[in-house]
Amino acid sequence: MIRPIEVQARGQYTIWLRYSDQSEGTVDLSYLIDRGVFKSLKKRDVFESVFITESGSVAWGDDIELCPDALYMKITGKKLEDVLPGLKTSASNA
């Protein structure tokens, strides 16, 4: 499973990530900053405290975690079925 191995806060609410397959890139999180729990990231020291949890999520404190797979797709441009090939989707007729 591909997981983030390094994260750094960058300017303008972006983070840089490196993954275990050596993919790397930046993700702009500015669209989240004025929403719910993400408001705390407006404080520079809070935003710069980003880290990778034991489970591989990108986090700030105990309240904010971002999905590493979603961030990987943003960086690489890969689709969900490329990142999680065993995932099966089923159509339902509701």
Foldseek 3Di string as FASTA:
>chain_A
DKAWDDWFADPQQKMWTAIPVRQIDIDHPNVCCVDDPNVVCVPVVQVGQWDADPVRWIDGPPPDTDDRLVVVCVRPVDDPCVSVVVDDDDDDDD
